[in-house]
PDB file of N, CA and C in Angstrom:
ATOM      1  N   MET A   1       7.753 -14.521  -2.748  1.00  0.00           N
ATOM      2  CA  MET A   1       6.353 -14.046  -2.136  1.00  0.00           C
ATOM      3  C   MET A   1       6.493 -12.267  -2.199  1.00  0.00           C
ATOM      4  N   LEU A   2       5.334 -11.920  -2.332  1.00  0.00           N
ATOM      5  CA  LEU A   2       5.335 -10.429  -2.367  1.00  0.00           C
ATOM      6  C   LEU A   2       4.524  -9.823  -1.154  1.00  0.00           C
ATOM      7  N   PHE A   3       4.938  -9.068  -0.573  1.00  0.00           N
ATOM      8  CA  PHE A   3       4.177  -8.305   0.769  1.00  0.00           C
ATOM      9  C   PHE A   3       3.687  -6.961   0.167  1.00  0.00           C
ATOM     10  N   LEU A   4       2.155  -6.724  -0.124  1.00  0.00           N
ATOM     11  CA  LEU A   4       1.846  -5.567  -0.403  1.00  0.00           C
ATOM     12  C   LEU A   4       1.480  -4.587   0.883  1.00  0.00           C
ATOM     13  N   GLY A   5       2.193  -3.507   0.878  1.00  0.00           N
ATOM     14  CA  GLY A   5       1.954  -2.494   2.141  1.00  0.00           C
ATOM     15  C   GLY A   5       0.487  -1.945   2.238  1.00  0.00           C
ATOM     16  N   PRO A   6       0.060  -1.457   3.460  1.00  0.00           N
ATOM     17  CA  PRO A   6      -1.312  -0.832   3.015  1.00  0.00           C
ATOM     18  C   PRO A   6      -1.064   0.765   2.429  1.00  0.00           C
ATOM     19  N   PRO A   7      -2.462   0.856   2.127  1.00  0.00           N
ATOM     20  CA  PRO A   7      -2.514   2.315   1.443  1.00  0.00           C
ATOM     21  C   PRO A   7      -2.666   3.236   2.545  1.00  0.00           C
ATOM     22  N   ALA A   8      -2.417   4.480   2.186  1.00  0.00           N
ATOM     23  CA  ALA A   8      -2.580   5.511   3.159  1.00  0.00           C
ATOM     24  C   ALA A   8      -4.137   5.751   3.398  1.00  0.00           C
ATOM     25  N   PHE A   9      -4.487   6.550   4.448  1.00  0.00           N
ATOM     26  CA  PHE A   9      -5.778   6.841   4.582  1.00  0.00           C
ATOM     27  C   PHE A   9      -6.033   8.229   3.793  1.00  0.00           C
ATOM     28  N   GLY A  10      -7.098   8.134   3.028  1.00  0.00           N
ATOM     29  CA  GLY A  10      -7.621   9.336   2.378  1.00  0.00           C
ATOM     30  C   GLY A  10      -8.062  10.379   3.431  1.00  0.00           C
ATOM     31  N   LEU A  11      -7.853  11.653   2.789  1.00  0.00           N
ATOM     32  CA  LEU A  11      -8.028  12.759   3.524  1.00  0.00           C
ATOM     33  C   LEU A  11      -9.772  12.859   4.040  1.00  0.00           C
ATOM     34  N   ASN A  12     -10.626  12.067   3.088  1.00  0.00           N
ATOM     35  CA  ASN A  12     -11.980  12.169   3.351  1.00  0.00           C
ATOM     36  C   ASN A  12     -12.457  10.870   4.321  1.00  0.00           C
ATOM     37  N   LYS A  13     -11.539  10.331   4.914  1.00  0.00           N
ATOM     38  CA  LYS A  13     -12.085   9.201   5.733  1.00  0.00           C
ATOM     39  C   LYS A  13     -12.804   9.338   6.862  1.00  0.00           C
ATOM     40  N   ALA A  14     -13.668   8.827   7.099  1.00  0.00           N
ATOM     41  CA  ALA A  14     -14.780   9.351   7.877  1.00  0.00           C
ATOM     42  C   ALA A  14     -14.261   9.124   9.416  1.00  0.00           C
ATOM     43  N   LEU A  15     -14.483  10.128  10.410  1.00  0.00           N
ATOM     44  CA  LEU A  15     -14.153  10.248  11.854  1.00  0.00           C
ATOM     45  C   LEU A  15     -14.304   8.694  12.569  1.00  0.00           C
ATOM     46  N   GLY A  16     -13.361   8.488  13.275  1.00  0.00           N
ATOM     47  CA  GLY A  16     -13.663   7.184  13.939  1.00  0.00           C
ATOM     48  C   GLY A  16     -13.420   5.931  13.418  1.00  0.00           C
ATOM     49  N   THR A  17     -13.362   5.998  11.777  1.00  0.00           N
ATOM     50  CA  THR A  17     -12.809   4.538  11.236  1.00  0.00           C
ATOM     51  C   THR A  17     -11.238   4.487  10.989  1.00  0.00           C
ATOM     52  N   ALA A  18     -10.541   5.524  11.270  1.00  0.00           N
ATOM     53  CA  ALA A  18      -8.757   5.466  11.249  1.00  0.00           C
ATOM     54  C   ALA A  18      -8.510   5.658  12.721  1.00  0.00           C
ATOM     55  N   PRO A  19      -7.409   4.929  12.876  1.00  0.00           N
ATOM     56  CA  PRO A  19      -6.807   5.478  14.234  1.00  0.00           C
ATOM     57  C   PRO A  19      -6.499   7.011  14.349  1.00  0.00           C
ATOM     58  N   LYS A  20      -6.275   7.340  15.422  1.00  0.00           N
ATOM     59  CA  LYS A  20      -6.322   8.956  15.702  1.00  0.00           C
ATOM     60  C   LYS A  20      -4.936   9.478  15.340  1.00  0.00           C
ATOM     61  N   GLU A  21      -4.066   8.534  15.043  1.00  0.00           N
ATOM     62  CA  GLU A  21      -2.796   9.181  14.602  1.00  0.00           C
ATOM     63  C   GLU A  21      -2.791   9.101  12.993  1.00  0.00           C
ATOM     64  N   GLY A  22      -3.764   8.423  12.380  1.00  0.00           N
ATOM     65  CA  GLY A  22      -4.092   8.563  10.766  1.00  0.00           C
ATOM     66  C   GLY A  22      -3.024   7.931  10.335  1.00  0.00           C
ATOM     67  N   ASN A  23      -2.282   8.745   9.099  1.00  0.00           N
ATOM     68  CA  ASN A  23      -1.419   8.101   8.104  1.00  0.00           C
ATOM     69  C   ASN A  23       0.155   7.996   8.838  1.00  0.00           C
ATOM     70  N   THR A  24       0.183   8.558   9.926  1.00  0.00           N
ATOM     71  CA  THR A  24       1.306   8.243  10.727  1.00  0.00           C
ATOM     72  C   THR A  24       1.363   6.724  11.191  1.00  0.00           C
ATOM     73  N   ALA A  25       0.255   6.418  11.748  1.00  0.00           N
ATOM     74  CA  ALA A  25       0.073   4.907  12.087  1.00  0.00           C
ATOM     75  C   ALA A  25       0.292   4.104  10.964  1.00  0.00           C
ATOM     76  N   VAL A  26      -0.252   4.278  10.002  1.00  0.00           N
ATOM     77  CA  VAL A  26       0.087   3.507   8.661  1.00  0.00           C
ATOM     78  C   VAL A  26       1.392   3.422   8.178  1.00  0.00           C
ATOM     79  N   TRP A  27       2.152   4.671   8.106  1.00  0.00           N
ATOM     80  CA  TRP A  27       3.679   4.631   7.808  1.00  0.00           C
ATOM     81  C   TRP A  27       4.491   3.874   8.966  1.00  0.00           C
ATOM     82  N   GLN A  28       4.036   3.980  10.363  1.00  0.00           N
ATOM     83  CA  GLN A  28       4.925   3.289  11.370  1.00  0.00           C
ATOM     84  C   GLN A  28       4.548   1.557  10.931  1.00  0.00           C
ATOM     85  N   TYR A  29       3.410   1.338  10.799  1.00  0.00           N
ATOM     86  CA  TYR A  29       3.154  -0.143  10.576  1.00  0.00           C
ATOM     87  C   TYR A  29       3.930  -0.837   9.545  1.00  0.00           C
ATOM     88  N   GLN A  30       3.942   0.286   8.250  1.00  0.00           N
ATOM     89  CA  GLN A  30       4.677  -0.310   7.045  1.00  0.00           C
ATOM     90  C   GLN A  30       6.222  -0.282   7.351  1.00  0.00           C
ATOM     91  N   GLU A  31       6.805   0.661   8.029  1.00  0.00           N
ATOM     92  CA  GLU A  31       8.041   0.572   8.413  1.00  0.00           C
ATOM     93  C   GLU A  31       8.232  -0.761   9.407  1.00  0.00           C
ATOM     94  N   GLU A  32       7.580  -1.157  10.290  1.00  0.00           N
ATOM     95  CA  GLU A  32       7.818  -2.289  11.049  1.00  0.00           C
ATOM     96  C   GLU A  32       7.798  -3.502  10.523  1.00  0.00           C
ATOM     97  N   MET A  33       6.656  -3.728   9.454  1.00  0.00           N
ATOM     98  CA  MET A  33       6.589  -4.958   8.499  1.00  0.00           C
ATOM     99  C   MET A  33       7.578  -4.960   7.435  1.00  0.00           C
ATOM    100  N   LEU A  34       8.224  -3.780   7.265  1.00  0.00           N
ATOM    101  CA  LEU A  34       9.207  -3.795   5.990  1.00  0.00           C
ATOM    102  C   LEU A  34      10.427  -4.668   6.592  1.00  0.00           C
ATOM    103  N   GLY A  35      10.953  -4.546   7.561  1.00  0.00           N
ATOM    104  CA  GLY A  35      12.003  -5.418   8.074  1.00  0.00           C
ATOM    105  C   GLY A  35      11.522  -7.091   8.220  1.00  0.00           C
ATOM    106  N   ILE A  36      10.429  -7.215   8.756  1.00  0.00           N
ATOM    107  CA  ILE A  36       9.992  -8.571   9.139  1.00  0.00           C
ATOM    108  C   ILE A  36       9.803  -9.359   7.610  1.00  0.00           C
ATOM    109  N   ALA A  37       9.195  -8.511   6.666  1.00  0.00           N
ATOM    110  CA  ALA A  37       9.074  -9.046   5.599  1.00  0.00           C
ATOM    111  C   ALA A  37      10.346  -9.481   4.715  1.00  0.00           C
ATOM    112  N   ARG A  38      11.218  -8.587   4.805  1.00  0.00           N
ATOM    113  CA  ARG A  38      12.466  -9.062   4.187  1.00  0.00           C
ATOM    114  C   ARG A  38      13.311  -9.958   4.855  1.00  0.00           C
ATOM    115  N   ASN A  39      13.092 -10.067   6.194  1.00  0.00           N
ATOM    116  CA  ASN A  39      13.744 -11.063   6.911  1.00  0.00           C
ATOM    117  C   ASN A  39      13.450 -12.493   6.601  1.00  0.00           C
ATOM    118  N   ASN A  40      12.085 -12.429   6.076  1.00  0.00           N
ATOM    119  CA  ASN A  40      11.141 -13.849   5.514  1.00  0.00           C
ATOM    120  C   ASN A  40      11.462 -13.714   4.275  1.00  0.00           C
ATOM    121  N   HIS A  41      12.524 -13.243   3.639  1.00  0.00           N
ATOM    122  CA  HIS A  41      12.574 -13.238   2.028  1.00  0.00           C
ATOM    123  C   HIS A  41      11.109 -13.177   1.158  1.00  0.00           C
ATOM    124  N   PHE A  42      10.683 -11.855   1.616  1.00  0.00           N
ATOM    125  CA  PHE A  42       9.483 -11.319   1.017  1.00  0.00           C
ATOM    126  C   PHE A  42       9.990 -10.237   0.026  1.00  0.00           C
ATOM    127  N   ASP A  43       9.621  -9.920  -0.998  1.00  0.00           N
ATOM    128  CA  ASP A  43       9.697  -8.786  -1.888  1.00  0.00           C
ATOM    129  C   ASP A  43       8.764  -7.749  -1.239  1.00  0.00           C
ATOM    130  N   VAL A  44       8.973  -6.382  -1.295  1.00  0.00           N
ATOM    131  CA  VAL A  44       7.963  -5.493  -0.673  1.00  0.00           C
ATOM    132  C   VAL A  44       7.483  -4.647  -1.623  1.00  0.00           C
ATOM    133  N   LEU A  45       6.276  -4.415  -1.887  1.00  0.00           N
ATOM    134  CA  LEU A  45       5.462  -3.179  -2.588  1.00  0.00           C
ATOM    135  C   LEU A  45       4.791  -2.525  -1.761  1.00  0.00           C
ATOM    136  N   SER A  46       4.935  -1.216  -1.476  1.00  0.00           N
ATOM    137  CA  SER A  46       4.635  -0.426  -0.741  1.00  0.00           C
ATOM    138  C   SER A  46       3.332   0.287  -1.572  1.00  0.00           C
ATOM    139  N   LEU A  47       2.132   0.583  -0.855  1.00  0.00           N
ATOM    140  CA  LEU A  47       0.991   1.347  -1.761  1.00  0.00           C
ATOM    141  C   LEU A  47       1.091   2.592  -0.980  1.00  0.00           C
ATOM    142  N   TYR A  48       1.759   3.021   0.035  1.00  0.00           N
ATOM    143  CA  TYR A  48       1.306   4.230   0.707  1.00  0.00           C
ATOM    144  C   TYR A  48       1.636   5.464  -0.084  1.00  0.00           C
ATOM    145  N   ASN A  49       3.154   5.419  -0.509  1.00  0.00           N
ATOM    146  CA  ASN A  49       3.430   6.597  -1.291  1.00  0.00           C
ATOM    147  C   ASN A  49       2.457   6.641  -2.686  1.00  0.00           C
ATOM    148  N   LEU A  50       2.012   5.684  -3.157  1.00  0.00           N
ATOM    149  CA  LEU A  50       1.122   5.823  -4.354  1.00  0.00           C
ATOM    150  C   LEU A  50      -0.378   6.323  -3.914  1.00  0.00           C
ATOM    151  N   THR A  51      -0.607   6.142  -2.794  1.00  0.00           N
ATOM    152  CA  THR A  51      -2.019   6.472  -2.375  1.00  0.00           C
ATOM    153  C   THR A  51      -2.141   7.797  -1.509  1.00  0.00           C
ATOM    154  N   VAL A  52      -1.002   8.291  -0.999  1.00  0.00           N
ATOM    155  CA  VAL A  52      -0.996   9.226   0.058  1.00  0.00           C
ATOM    156  C   VAL A  52      -1.692  10.542  -0.220  1.00  0.00           C
ATOM    157  N   GLN A  53      -1.309  10.797  -1.601  1.00  0.00           N
ATOM    158  CA  GLN A  53      -2.082  12.095  -2.273  1.00  0.00           C
ATOM    159  C   GLN A  53      -2.915  11.798  -3.359  1.00  0.00           C
ATOM    160  N   ALA A  54      -3.584  10.480  -3.316  1.00  0.00           N
ATOM    161  CA  ALA A  54      -4.604  10.327  -4.077  1.00  0.00           C
ATOM    162  C   ALA A  54      -6.062  10.840  -3.682  1.00  0.00           C
ATOM    163  N   SER A  55      -6.795  11.373  -4.474  1.00  0.00           N
ATOM    164  CA  SER A  55      -8.171  11.919  -4.147  1.00  0.00           C
ATOM    165  C   SER A  55      -8.995  10.714  -4.203  1.00  0.00           C
ATOM    166  N   THR A  56     -10.095  10.742  -3.296  1.00  0.00           N
ATOM    167  CA  THR A  56     -10.790   9.767  -2.887  1.00  0.00           C
ATOM    168  C   THR A  56     -12.099  10.128  -2.096  1.00  0.00           C
ATOM    169  N   PRO A  57     -13.360   9.985  -2.590  1.00  0.00           N
ATOM    170  CA  PRO A  57     -14.408  10.537  -2.014  1.00  0.00           C
ATOM    171  C   PRO A  57     -14.698  10.196  -0.469  1.00  0.00           C
ATOM    172  N   ASP A  58     -14.242   8.747  -0.336  1.00  0.00           N
ATOM    173  CA  ASP A  58     -14.762   8.288   1.054  1.00  0.00           C
ATOM    174  C   ASP A  58     -13.487   7.904   1.874  1.00  0.00           C
ATOM    175  N   GLY A  59     -12.211   8.058   1.381  1.00  0.00           N
ATOM    176  CA  GLY A  59     -11.061   7.856   2.043  1.00  0.00           C
ATOM    177  C   GLY A  59     -10.417   6.438   1.930  1.00  0.00           C
ATOM    178  N   GLU A  60     -11.144   5.595   1.049  1.00  0.00           N
ATOM    179  CA  GLU A  60     -10.888   4.252   1.293  1.00  0.00           C
ATOM    180  C   GLU A  60     -10.853   3.729  -0.678  1.00  0.00           C
ATOM    181  N   HIS A  61     -11.847   4.276  -1.297  1.00  0.00           N
ATOM    182  CA  HIS A  61     -11.690   3.791  -2.701  1.00  0.00           C
ATOM    183  C   HIS A  61     -11.039   4.720  -3.662  1.00  0.00           C
ATOM    184  N   PHE A  62      -9.835   4.200  -4.024  1.00  0.00           N
ATOM    185  CA  PHE A  62      -9.027   5.172  -4.456  1.00  0.00           C
ATOM    186  C   PHE A  62      -9.164   5.523  -6.161  1.00  0.00           C
ATOM    187  N   GLY A  63     -10.103   4.440  -6.808  1.00  0.00           N
ATOM    188  CA  GLY A  63     -10.459   4.598  -8.059  1.00  0.00           C
ATOM    189  C   GLY A  63      -9.823   3.767  -9.107  1.00  0.00           C
ATOM    190  N   VAL A  64     -10.077   3.775 -10.404  1.00  0.00           N
ATOM    191  CA  VAL A  64      -9.604   2.986 -11.270  1.00  0.00           C
ATOM    192  C   VAL A  64      -8.108   3.315 -11.819  1.00  0.00           C
ATOM    193  N   LYS A  65      -7.709   4.656 -11.745  1.00  0.00           N
ATOM    194  CA  LYS A  65      -6.298   4.872 -11.765  1.00  0.00           C
ATOM    195  C   LYS A  65      -5.272   4.256 -11.034  1.00  0.00           C
ATOM    196  N   VAL A  66      -5.529   4.473  -9.863  1.00  0.00           N
ATOM    197  CA  VAL A  66      -4.787   3.733  -8.578  1.00  0.00           C
ATOM    198  C   VAL A  66      -4.653   2.437  -8.789  1.00  0.00           C
ATOM    199  N   ALA A  67      -5.952   1.799  -8.770  1.00  0.00           N
ATOM    200  CA  ALA A  67      -5.989   0.393  -9.090  1.00  0.00           C
ATOM    201  C   ALA A  67      -5.318  -0.368 -10.307  1.00  0.00           C
ATOM    202  N   LEU A  68      -5.253   0.735 -11.326  1.00  0.00           N
ATOM    203  CA  LEU A  68      -4.448   0.189 -12.711  1.00  0.00           C
ATOM    204  C   LEU A  68      -2.884   0.363 -12.348  1.00  0.00           C
ATOM    205  N   VAL A  69      -2.501   1.295 -11.649  1.00  0.00           N
ATOM    206  CA  VAL A  69      -1.080   1.250 -11.521  1.00  0.00           C
ATOM    207  C   VAL A  69      -0.660   0.254 -10.351  1.00  0.00           C
ATOM    208  N   GLU A  70      -1.388  -0.050  -9.619  1.00  0.00           N
ATOM    209  CA  GLU A  70      -1.187  -1.272  -8.405  1.00  0.00           C
ATOM    210  C   GLU A  70      -1.036  -2.355  -9.482  1.00  0.00           C
ATOM    211  N   ALA A  71      -2.083  -2.545 -10.349  1.00  0.00           N
ATOM    212  CA  ALA A  71      -1.954  -4.063 -11.173  1.00  0.00           C
ATOM    213  C   ALA A  71      -0.816  -3.873 -11.909  1.00  0.00           C
ATOM    214  N   MET A  72      -0.424  -2.699 -12.677  1.00  0.00           N
ATOM    215  CA  MET A  72       0.811  -2.795 -13.300  1.00  0.00           C
ATOM    216  C   MET A  72       2.192  -3.163 -12.347  1.00  0.00           C
ATOM    217  N   MET A  73       2.103  -2.541 -11.166  1.00  0.00           N
ATOM    218  CA  MET A  73       3.205  -2.788 -10.474  1.00  0.00           C
ATOM    219  C   MET A  73       3.521  -4.560 -10.078  1.00  0.00           C
ATOM    220  N   VAL A  74       2.396  -5.064  -9.792  1.00  0.00           N
ATOM    221  CA  VAL A  74       2.298  -6.429  -9.399  1.00  0.00           C
ATOM    222  C   VAL A  74       2.622  -7.333 -10.731  1.00  0.00           C
ATOM    223  N   ILE A  75       2.173  -6.845 -12.192  1.00  0.00           N
ATOM    224  CA  ILE A  75       2.527  -7.618 -13.185  1.00  0.00           C
ATOM    225  C   ILE A  75       4.050  -7.252 -13.486  1.00  0.00           C
ATOM    226  N   ASN A  76       4.729  -6.049 -12.966  1.00  0.00           N
ATOM    227  CA  ASN A  76       6.057  -5.877 -13.498  1.00  0.00           C
ATOM    228  C   ASN A  76       6.907  -6.862 -12.297  1.00  0.00           C
ATOM    229  N   TRP A  77       6.455  -6.964 -11.161  1.00  0.00           N
ATOM    230  CA  TRP A  77       6.998  -7.695 -10.320  1.00  0.00           C
ATOM    231  C   TRP A  77       7.014  -9.317 -10.682  1.00  0.00           C
ATOM    232  N   LEU A  78       5.964  -9.800 -11.249  1.00  0.00           N
ATOM    233  CA  LEU A  78       5.600 -11.048 -11.790  1.00  0.00           C
ATOM    234  C   LEU A  78       6.600 -11.168 -12.781  1.00  0.00           C
ATOM    235  N   SER A  79       6.883 -10.303 -13.797  1.00  0.00           N
ATOM    236  CA  SER A  79       7.704 -10.557 -14.890  1.00  0.00           C
ATOM    237  C   SER A  79       9.159 -10.670 -14.434  1.00  0.00           C
ATOM    238  N   LYS A  80       9.650 -10.020 -13.276  1.00  0.00           N
ATOM    239  CA  LYS A  80      10.794 -10.475 -13.043  1.00  0.00           C
ATOM    240  C   LYS A  80      11.132 -11.987 -12.315  1.00  0.00           C
ATOM    241  N   LEU A  81      10.282 -12.523 -12.147  1.00  0.00           N
ATOM    242  CA  LEU A  81      10.420 -13.906 -11.406  1.00  0.00           C
ATOM    243  C   LEU A  81      11.016 -14.872 -12.258  1.00  0.00           C
ATOM    244  N   ASP A  82      11.973 -15.648 -11.703  1.00  0.00           N
ATOM    245  CA  ASP A  82      12.339 -16.840 -12.715  1.00  0.00           C
ATOM    246  C   ASP A  82      11.232 -17.731 -13.007  1.00  0.00           C
ATOM    247  N   THR A  83      10.970 -18.222 -14.277  1.00  0.00           N
ATOM    248  CA  THR A  83      10.171 -19.195 -14.691  1.00  0.00           C
ATOM    249  C   THR A  83      10.982 -20.374 -14.813  1.00  0.00           C
ATOM    250  N   SER A  84       9.878 -21.525 -14.727  1.00  0.00           N
ATOM    251  CA  SER A  84      10.571 -22.889 -15.091  1.00  0.00           C
ATOM    252  C   SER A  84       9.758 -23.649 -16.006  1.00  0.00           C
TER     253      SER A  84
END
């Protein structure tokens, strides 16, 4: 199983749509979930570091380049799985 961590909030995220702690809240959530996921034998793929500096017009949609990297990361994870 693979746990995909949350992306960071973009700098242009509309006021009131993100927690007042912003990316700190996302980071704390990710850190809390990391231990839980690993204890339940999940592999963890963090999207926070990938998206924290990504430019986005609305703070949510990171665009094709980020989506392509995310897809490549998942494909690389899938290629490491044992096949039957």
